[in-house]
Each structure stands twice: as structure tokens, then as C-alpha cells.
Protein backbone atom coordinates (compact mmCIF):
# COMPACT_ATOMS: atom_id res chain seq x y z
CA ALA A 1 4.63 -44.65 -42.86
CA SER A 2 1.34 -43.20 -44.04
CA ILE A 3 -0.36 -39.86 -43.63
CA LEU A 4 -4.08 -39.79 -44.34
CA CYS A 5 -5.41 -36.44 -45.61
CA ASP A 6 -8.81 -35.23 -46.72
CA MET A 7 -9.50 -33.74 -50.17
CA ARG A 8 -8.20 -30.35 -48.97
CA MET A 9 -4.91 -31.95 -47.81
CA ARG A 10 -5.75 -31.53 -44.13
CA GLU A 11 -4.16 -34.28 -42.08
CA ILE A 12 -6.61 -36.76 -40.58
CA ASP A 13 -4.15 -39.20 -39.02
CA ARG A 14 -0.72 -40.74 -39.50
CA ILE A 15 0.99 -44.04 -38.77
CA GLU A 16 4.59 -45.19 -38.82
CA MET A 17 5.47 -48.82 -38.29
CA LYS A 18 7.67 -51.67 -39.40
CA VAL A 19 5.72 -54.41 -41.18
CA LYS A 20 6.42 -58.09 -40.59
CA LEU A 21 7.78 -59.61 -43.74
CA ARG A 22 6.17 -62.71 -45.18
CA ASN A 23 9.47 -64.11 -46.41
CA PRO A 24 12.52 -62.11 -45.29
CA ALA A 25 14.85 -64.71 -46.85
CA LYS A 26 13.85 -63.41 -50.32
CA MET A 27 15.20 -59.93 -49.57
CA THR A 28 18.54 -59.15 -51.18
CA LYS A 29 21.35 -57.66 -49.11
CA GLU A 30 21.18 -54.52 -51.27
CA ALA A 31 17.45 -54.06 -50.65
CA ALA A 32 17.95 -54.61 -46.93
CA ALA A 33 20.71 -51.99 -46.82
CA VAL A 34 18.72 -49.38 -48.78
CA ASN A 35 15.67 -49.84 -46.57
CA GLY A 36 17.49 -50.06 -43.25
CA TYR A 37 16.34 -53.61 -42.59
CA ASP A 38 17.83 -55.15 -39.46
CA PRO A 39 16.42 -58.61 -38.60
CA GLU A 40 16.90 -58.07 -34.85
CA VAL A 41 15.04 -54.75 -34.90
CA TRP A 42 12.22 -56.14 -37.06
CA ALA A 43 11.88 -59.15 -34.74
CA LYS A 44 11.17 -56.78 -31.84
CA GLU A 45 9.25 -53.95 -33.53
CA ALA A 46 7.49 -55.23 -36.64
CA LYS A 47 3.72 -55.59 -36.65
CA PRO A 48 1.42 -57.53 -38.98
CA PHE A 49 0.30 -55.70 -42.12
CA LEU A 50 -3.28 -55.96 -40.84
CA VAL A 51 -2.43 -53.30 -38.21
CA TRP A 52 -1.90 -50.80 -41.07
CA LYS A 53 -4.91 -52.09 -43.00
CA ASP A 54 -7.16 -51.71 -39.91
CA TRP A 55 -5.76 -48.19 -39.33
CA LEU A 56 -6.78 -47.21 -42.87
CA LYS A 57 -10.15 -48.93 -42.60
CA LYS A 58 -11.19 -47.09 -39.41
CA HIS A 59 -10.94 -43.72 -41.18
CA ILE A 60 -12.72 -44.44 -44.46
CA PRO A 61 -16.49 -44.98 -44.81
CA TYR A 62 -17.67 -48.23 -46.38
CA GLY A 63 -17.48 -48.17 -50.17
CA HIS A 64 -14.87 -45.39 -50.28
CA VAL A 65 -11.14 -45.74 -50.89
CA ALA A 66 -7.91 -43.82 -50.32
CA ILE A 67 -5.66 -42.91 -53.23
CA GLY A 68 -1.99 -43.58 -52.56
CA VAL A 69 0.48 -40.75 -53.19
CA GLY A 70 4.22 -41.30 -53.04
CA HIS A 71 7.55 -41.77 -54.75
CA ASN A 72 7.17 -44.83 -57.03
CA ALA A 73 3.74 -45.47 -55.49
CA HIS A 74 2.83 -48.04 -58.17
CA PHE A 75 5.56 -50.32 -56.84
CA ASP A 76 4.25 -50.12 -53.27
CA ARG A 77 0.64 -50.60 -54.38
CA GLU A 78 1.56 -53.73 -56.35
CA ILE A 79 3.36 -55.26 -53.36
CA ILE A 80 0.39 -54.55 -51.09
CA ASP A 81 -2.00 -56.03 -53.65
CA GLN A 82 -0.03 -59.22 -54.31
CA ALA A 83 1.09 -59.96 -50.78
CA TYR A 84 -1.85 -58.85 -48.68
CA TYR A 85 -5.04 -57.91 -50.49
CA LYS A 86 -5.41 -60.79 -52.95
CA PRO A 87 -4.95 -63.52 -50.31
CA THR A 88 -7.71 -62.05 -48.12
CA GLY A 89 -10.17 -61.28 -50.91
CA ASP A 90 -12.07 -58.72 -48.84
CA PHE A 91 -12.89 -55.14 -49.79
CA PHE A 92 -9.70 -53.12 -49.59
CA LYS A 93 -9.85 -49.39 -48.92
CA LEU A 94 -6.72 -48.54 -50.92
CA SER A 95 -7.51 -47.54 -54.50
CA TYR A 96 -5.83 -49.14 -57.49
CA HIS A 97 -5.17 -45.58 -58.64
CA VAL A 98 -2.07 -43.86 -57.32
CA ILE A 99 -0.39 -40.50 -57.74
CA ASP A 100 3.31 -41.00 -58.33
CA THR A 101 5.45 -38.07 -57.18
CA ALA A 102 8.42 -39.29 -59.26
CA GLY A 103 6.28 -38.96 -62.40
CA ILE A 104 5.01 -35.55 -61.36
CA ALA A 105 8.57 -34.37 -60.70
CA LEU A 106 9.68 -35.55 -64.15
CA MET A 107 6.76 -33.78 -65.85
CA LEU A 108 7.50 -30.56 -63.96
CA LYS A 109 11.18 -30.77 -64.93
CA LEU A 110 10.33 -31.39 -68.60
CA ALA A 111 7.87 -28.48 -68.54
CA GLY A 112 10.55 -26.19 -67.11
CA VAL A 113 8.68 -25.59 -63.87
CA ILE A 114 11.54 -26.97 -61.78
CA ASP A 115 15.19 -26.97 -62.72
CA ARG A 116 16.58 -29.47 -60.24
CA PRO A 117 18.57 -32.30 -61.90
CA ALA A 118 17.29 -34.95 -59.50
CA MET A 119 14.28 -34.32 -57.31
CA LEU A 120 13.28 -36.60 -54.47
CA ALA A 121 9.75 -36.91 -53.14
CA THR A 122 10.82 -35.27 -49.89
CA ASP A 123 12.34 -32.25 -51.68
CA THR A 124 9.32 -29.98 -51.40
CA ALA A 125 11.44 -26.84 -51.67
CA ALA A 126 11.69 -27.47 -55.42
CA PHE A 127 7.91 -27.39 -55.69
CA MET A 128 7.69 -24.19 -53.66
CA SER A 129 10.32 -22.19 -55.55
């Protein structure tokens, strides 16, 4: 899932989809369980990664990029880069730079801004209190 926002955090568009895997046999049972992977569901609902890439491309002017923000966003960015961007070699509208919410949460905890022992990216109440 992705939500595209402008610099003032106003939502421009959003997308949620299952992405066809290049090699599902490499996925461990543990990873499949954590991510809710069901081969039968993916066979029916998954779309090629290019659907997401085209969605992003239609919203961003040529020469500009989007900066990814998320929990462990570096991990996701690396997978996208290795599996999809490098093989195509074309200009990709997703920046190499990311903002990692897990890192931000840790810094806020260390600074005493939040006091939650374990903060998830979806736990916005901790940021608001």
C-alpha cells in the first residue's frame, strides 16, 4: 500500500495491491505467515509491480522523485531497487532517500519525547500525546 502526499502532507492519491512475486519459492514459511501470504489469493489478486510503478509515475513530473516514508523503509527500498528498478534501467521516480519511522520512533524515545516501550509505525497516538 502507498499513500502519495504533497510537501504539506495533503493526500494526492493512494493505492493498495498485492504484487506478483518474482520467485515465491524463495519465501520462507515464517515470512509468508508474517505477511499474510496465501498462494491461492496471490494467484487471483496479485498484479505486476509495474502497476504500482506506473501509478507513482503518473503523479510525479519528469525529473522529480518521491521520498519513501515507512517502518523499515530502507528494507523496502532495497527490495524495489534490486528486483525491479535495476533490471529495467529506466528513470525511477522513487528516491534513494527514505524516512524511516522506526528510526524516528527510537530517536523520540531516547530524547524522552515518547515513553512507549515499543512503538509501531501505525501507533500515531504516541506521536500526538
